[in-house]
Structures are given as structure tokens and as C-alpha cells.
N, C-alpha and C. Protein backbone atom coordinates (compact mmCIF):
# COMPACT_ATOMS: atom_id res chain seq x y z
N MET A 1 -3.02 -1.53 9.59
CA MET A 1 -3.46 -0.33 10.27
C MET A 1 -3.87 -0.68 11.68
N GLU A 2 -3.28 -0.01 12.65
CA GLU A 2 -3.67 -0.16 14.05
C GLU A 2 -4.51 1.05 14.44
N ALA A 3 -5.80 0.91 14.30
CA ALA A 3 -6.72 2.03 14.50
C ALA A 3 -6.59 2.66 15.89
N GLY A 4 -6.26 1.87 16.89
CA GLY A 4 -6.12 2.39 18.25
C GLY A 4 -4.99 3.39 18.41
N LYS A 5 -3.99 3.32 17.53
CA LYS A 5 -2.87 4.25 17.60
C LYS A 5 -3.13 5.54 16.82
N CYS A 6 -4.10 5.51 15.93
CA CYS A 6 -4.37 6.66 15.06
C CYS A 6 -5.03 7.79 15.85
N THR A 7 -4.52 9.01 15.64
CA THR A 7 -5.12 10.19 16.28
C THR A 7 -5.88 11.05 15.28
N GLY A 8 -5.90 10.62 14.02
CA GLY A 8 -6.65 11.36 13.00
C GLY A 8 -5.94 12.60 12.51
N CYS A 9 -4.61 12.61 12.55
CA CYS A 9 -3.87 13.80 12.10
C CYS A 9 -4.03 14.03 10.61
N GLY A 10 -4.30 12.97 9.85
CA GLY A 10 -4.50 13.11 8.41
C GLY A 10 -3.23 13.09 7.58
N MET A 11 -2.09 12.86 8.19
CA MET A 11 -0.84 12.85 7.44
C MET A 11 -0.84 11.75 6.38
N CYS A 12 -1.38 10.59 6.69
CA CYS A 12 -1.42 9.50 5.71
C CYS A 12 -2.22 9.91 4.48
N MET A 13 -3.30 10.63 4.69
CA MET A 13 -4.11 11.10 3.56
C MET A 13 -3.35 12.13 2.74
N GLU A 14 -2.58 12.94 3.42
CA GLU A 14 -1.81 13.99 2.74
C GLU A 14 -0.70 13.42 1.86
N VAL A 15 -0.02 12.38 2.33
CA VAL A 15 1.13 11.86 1.60
C VAL A 15 0.79 10.72 0.64
N CYS A 16 -0.37 10.12 0.76
CA CYS A 16 -0.73 8.99 -0.11
C CYS A 16 -1.04 9.49 -1.52
N PRO A 17 -0.29 9.00 -2.53
CA PRO A 17 -0.51 9.47 -3.89
C PRO A 17 -1.77 8.92 -4.55
N HIS A 18 -2.43 7.95 -3.92
CA HIS A 18 -3.59 7.32 -4.55
C HIS A 18 -4.86 7.36 -3.72
N GLU A 19 -4.91 8.25 -2.74
CA GLU A 19 -6.11 8.46 -1.93
C GLU A 19 -6.67 7.16 -1.35
N VAL A 20 -5.80 6.40 -0.70
CA VAL A 20 -6.18 5.13 -0.09
C VAL A 20 -6.95 5.35 1.21
N PHE A 21 -6.68 6.45 1.90
CA PHE A 21 -7.25 6.70 3.23
C PHE A 21 -8.34 7.76 3.22
N ARG A 22 -9.18 7.70 4.25
CA ARG A 22 -10.13 8.78 4.54
C ARG A 22 -10.34 8.80 6.05
N LEU A 23 -10.85 9.90 6.55
CA LEU A 23 -11.13 10.02 7.99
C LEU A 23 -12.57 9.63 8.27
N GLU A 24 -12.75 8.83 9.29
CA GLU A 24 -14.07 8.46 9.80
C GLU A 24 -14.01 8.54 11.30
N GLU A 25 -14.88 9.32 11.87
CA GLU A 25 -14.95 9.48 13.33
C GLU A 25 -13.58 9.81 13.92
N ARG A 26 -12.90 10.75 13.29
CA ARG A 26 -11.61 11.27 13.74
C ARG A 26 -10.49 10.22 13.75
N ARG A 27 -10.59 9.25 12.88
CA ARG A 27 -9.55 8.23 12.71
C ARG A 27 -9.40 7.95 11.22
N ALA A 28 -8.18 7.68 10.80
CA ALA A 28 -7.95 7.29 9.41
C ALA A 28 -8.39 5.85 9.22
N VAL A 29 -8.99 5.59 8.09
CA VAL A 29 -9.37 4.23 7.72
C VAL A 29 -8.89 3.97 6.29
N ILE A 30 -8.63 2.72 6.00
CA ILE A 30 -8.25 2.33 4.64
C ILE A 30 -9.54 2.23 3.84
N ALA A 31 -9.72 3.15 2.92
CA ALA A 31 -10.95 3.22 2.15
C ALA A 31 -10.84 2.56 0.79
N ALA A 32 -9.63 2.46 0.24
CA ALA A 32 -9.45 1.91 -1.10
C ALA A 32 -8.16 1.10 -1.16
N ARG A 33 -8.16 -0.05 -0.53
CA ARG A 33 -6.96 -0.90 -0.44
C ARG A 33 -6.41 -1.24 -1.82
N ASP A 34 -7.28 -1.43 -2.80
CA ASP A 34 -6.84 -1.81 -4.13
C ASP A 34 -6.07 -0.71 -4.86
N ARG A 35 -6.13 0.51 -4.36
CA ARG A 35 -5.36 1.62 -4.95
C ARG A 35 -3.93 1.70 -4.42
N CYS A 36 -3.64 0.98 -3.34
CA CYS A 36 -2.32 1.06 -2.70
C CYS A 36 -1.24 0.52 -3.63
N MET A 37 -0.16 1.29 -3.80
CA MET A 37 0.96 0.85 -4.63
C MET A 37 2.17 0.48 -3.78
N GLU A 38 1.97 0.36 -2.48
CA GLU A 38 2.99 -0.10 -1.54
C GLU A 38 4.22 0.81 -1.49
N CYS A 39 4.02 2.10 -1.67
CA CYS A 39 5.17 3.01 -1.65
C CYS A 39 5.72 3.24 -0.25
N GLY A 40 4.89 3.06 0.77
CA GLY A 40 5.32 3.21 2.15
C GLY A 40 5.31 4.64 2.68
N ALA A 41 4.82 5.59 1.90
CA ALA A 41 4.80 6.99 2.35
C ALA A 41 3.96 7.15 3.62
N CYS A 42 2.86 6.45 3.70
CA CYS A 42 2.00 6.55 4.88
C CYS A 42 2.73 6.06 6.13
N GLU A 43 3.39 4.92 6.01
CA GLU A 43 4.12 4.36 7.15
C GLU A 43 5.25 5.28 7.59
N LYS A 44 5.99 5.80 6.65
CA LYS A 44 7.13 6.67 6.98
C LYS A 44 6.70 7.97 7.62
N ASN A 45 5.50 8.43 7.31
CA ASN A 45 5.03 9.72 7.82
C ASN A 45 4.07 9.62 8.98
N CYS A 46 3.79 8.41 9.46
CA CYS A 46 2.91 8.24 10.61
C CYS A 46 3.76 8.27 11.88
N ALA A 47 3.70 9.36 12.58
CA ALA A 47 4.52 9.56 13.77
C ALA A 47 4.19 8.57 14.90
N LEU A 48 3.00 8.03 14.89
CA LEU A 48 2.57 7.13 15.96
C LEU A 48 2.71 5.66 15.62
N GLY A 49 3.15 5.34 14.42
CA GLY A 49 3.34 3.95 14.03
C GLY A 49 2.04 3.18 13.87
N ALA A 50 0.99 3.86 13.46
CA ALA A 50 -0.30 3.20 13.28
C ALA A 50 -0.38 2.42 11.98
N LEU A 51 0.55 2.65 11.08
CA LEU A 51 0.52 2.01 9.76
C LEU A 51 1.77 1.20 9.49
N SER A 52 1.59 0.10 8.79
CA SER A 52 2.74 -0.66 8.31
C SER A 52 2.42 -1.14 6.90
N VAL A 53 3.43 -1.17 6.07
CA VAL A 53 3.27 -1.56 4.67
C VAL A 53 4.23 -2.70 4.40
N SER A 54 3.71 -3.78 3.86
CA SER A 54 4.55 -4.92 3.46
C SER A 54 5.01 -4.65 2.03
N LYS A 55 6.18 -4.08 1.92
CA LYS A 55 6.71 -3.73 0.61
C LYS A 55 7.23 -4.97 -0.09
N GLY A 56 7.19 -4.93 -1.40
CA GLY A 56 7.73 -6.03 -2.18
C GLY A 56 6.77 -7.18 -2.38
N VAL A 57 5.51 -6.96 -2.12
CA VAL A 57 4.50 -7.98 -2.38
C VAL A 57 3.45 -7.39 -3.29
N GLY A 58 2.73 -8.21 -3.97
CA GLY A 58 1.62 -7.74 -4.77
C GLY A 58 2.02 -7.16 -6.11
N CYS A 59 1.06 -6.55 -6.74
CA CYS A 59 1.24 -6.11 -8.12
C CYS A 59 2.18 -4.92 -8.28
N ALA A 60 2.28 -4.06 -7.28
CA ALA A 60 3.21 -2.92 -7.41
C ALA A 60 4.63 -3.44 -7.55
N SER A 61 5.00 -4.39 -6.73
CA SER A 61 6.32 -4.98 -6.81
C SER A 61 6.52 -5.70 -8.13
N ALA A 62 5.49 -6.41 -8.59
CA ALA A 62 5.58 -7.14 -9.85
C ALA A 62 5.80 -6.19 -11.03
N LEU A 63 5.10 -5.09 -11.04
CA LEU A 63 5.25 -4.13 -12.14
C LEU A 63 6.63 -3.49 -12.14
N ILE A 64 7.13 -3.15 -10.98
CA ILE A 64 8.47 -2.57 -10.89
C ILE A 64 9.51 -3.61 -11.31
N GLY A 65 9.34 -4.84 -10.85
CA GLY A 65 10.26 -5.90 -11.24
C GLY A 65 10.27 -6.13 -12.73
N SER A 66 9.11 -6.08 -13.36
CA SER A 66 9.05 -6.29 -14.80
C SER A 66 9.73 -5.16 -15.56
N MET A 67 9.65 -3.95 -15.04
CA MET A 67 10.33 -2.82 -15.69
C MET A 67 11.85 -2.99 -15.60
N ILE A 68 12.32 -3.50 -14.49
CA ILE A 68 13.76 -3.69 -14.29
C ILE A 68 14.29 -4.84 -15.15
N THR A 69 13.56 -5.96 -15.14
CA THR A 69 14.04 -7.15 -15.85
C THR A 69 13.62 -7.21 -17.30
N GLY A 70 12.59 -6.47 -17.67
CA GLY A 70 12.09 -6.52 -19.04
C GLY A 70 11.14 -7.68 -19.29
N GLY A 71 10.85 -8.46 -18.25
CA GLY A 71 9.96 -9.60 -18.38
C GLY A 71 8.53 -9.23 -17.99
N PRO A 72 7.65 -10.21 -18.00
CA PRO A 72 6.26 -9.95 -17.61
C PRO A 72 6.14 -9.77 -16.10
N PRO A 73 5.15 -9.02 -15.65
CA PRO A 73 4.95 -8.86 -14.20
C PRO A 73 4.47 -10.16 -13.59
N THR A 74 5.14 -10.60 -12.53
CA THR A 74 4.77 -11.82 -11.82
C THR A 74 4.72 -11.50 -10.33
N CYS A 75 3.53 -11.58 -9.76
CA CYS A 75 3.39 -11.21 -8.35
C CYS A 75 3.12 -12.38 -7.44
N GLY A 76 3.28 -13.59 -7.92
CA GLY A 76 3.13 -14.75 -7.04
C GLY A 76 1.71 -15.22 -6.85
N CYS A 77 0.80 -14.70 -7.61
CA CYS A 77 -0.57 -15.21 -7.52
C CYS A 77 -0.90 -15.89 -8.84
N GLY A 78 -2.06 -16.42 -8.94
CA GLY A 78 -2.43 -17.09 -10.19
C GLY A 78 -2.07 -18.55 -10.15
N ASP A 79 -1.42 -19.04 -11.17
CA ASP A 79 -1.18 -20.49 -11.29
C ASP A 79 0.07 -20.93 -10.55
N GLY A 80 -0.07 -21.12 -9.26
CA GLY A 80 1.03 -21.65 -8.45
C GLY A 80 2.20 -20.72 -8.27
N GLY A 81 1.98 -19.43 -8.36
CA GLY A 81 3.04 -18.47 -8.11
C GLY A 81 3.80 -18.04 -9.34
N SER A 82 3.47 -18.60 -10.51
CA SER A 82 4.18 -18.18 -11.71
C SER A 82 3.27 -17.44 -12.67
N GLY A 83 2.11 -17.07 -12.19
CA GLY A 83 1.13 -16.43 -13.06
C GLY A 83 1.44 -14.98 -13.37
N ASN A 84 0.92 -14.54 -14.47
CA ASN A 84 1.04 -13.15 -14.89
C ASN A 84 -0.28 -12.48 -14.53
N CYS A 85 -0.42 -12.06 -13.29
CA CYS A 85 -1.73 -11.63 -12.79
C CYS A 85 -1.94 -10.13 -12.78
N CYS A 86 -0.97 -9.37 -13.17
CA CYS A 86 -1.12 -7.93 -13.05
C CYS A 86 -1.64 -7.32 -14.35
């Protein structure tokens, strides 16, 4: 999040399915990072480019990968990158 680019339009709050953002002093802030599922809706809908999402990392990617492959979720954390941390 590049706070200097944010104008407080609230679009990120509107499109985020997990209420990750809130407004503080007329700017969006990340209020609940652990709720983020890396869908990228906030980034795609931010007209000013104040947000970026690193897709394909973390537990959201691991859970989707496990659904596709039928294996356990592996997100690269835990025991040397092979842990089942989700």
C-alpha cells in the first residue's frame, strides 16, 4: 500500500470480500492483513495504483493449489518450505 497515492475513495473497501481495509484520516489503511486472500480485487479497482498484491504466495495460493492437485496445502513456510502450514 502506497498511502501517499490514496485519496480515500473507498473502492478497496467496497470490493474487498474480507474487509481488509478501513478509512483513517481520509486514507485507506490495511486493518486486517491476515484476512487477505490475495484475490487482487483491491489492486484491480484502485484507479491511482496505491495498492499492489503479490498473488500466488501465502496460504490462499496453497489452499487453491491443494484443491487443484488434491494434495495438502503447502505455502512454503514451516519446515524448510515443505511444511503444511495452512
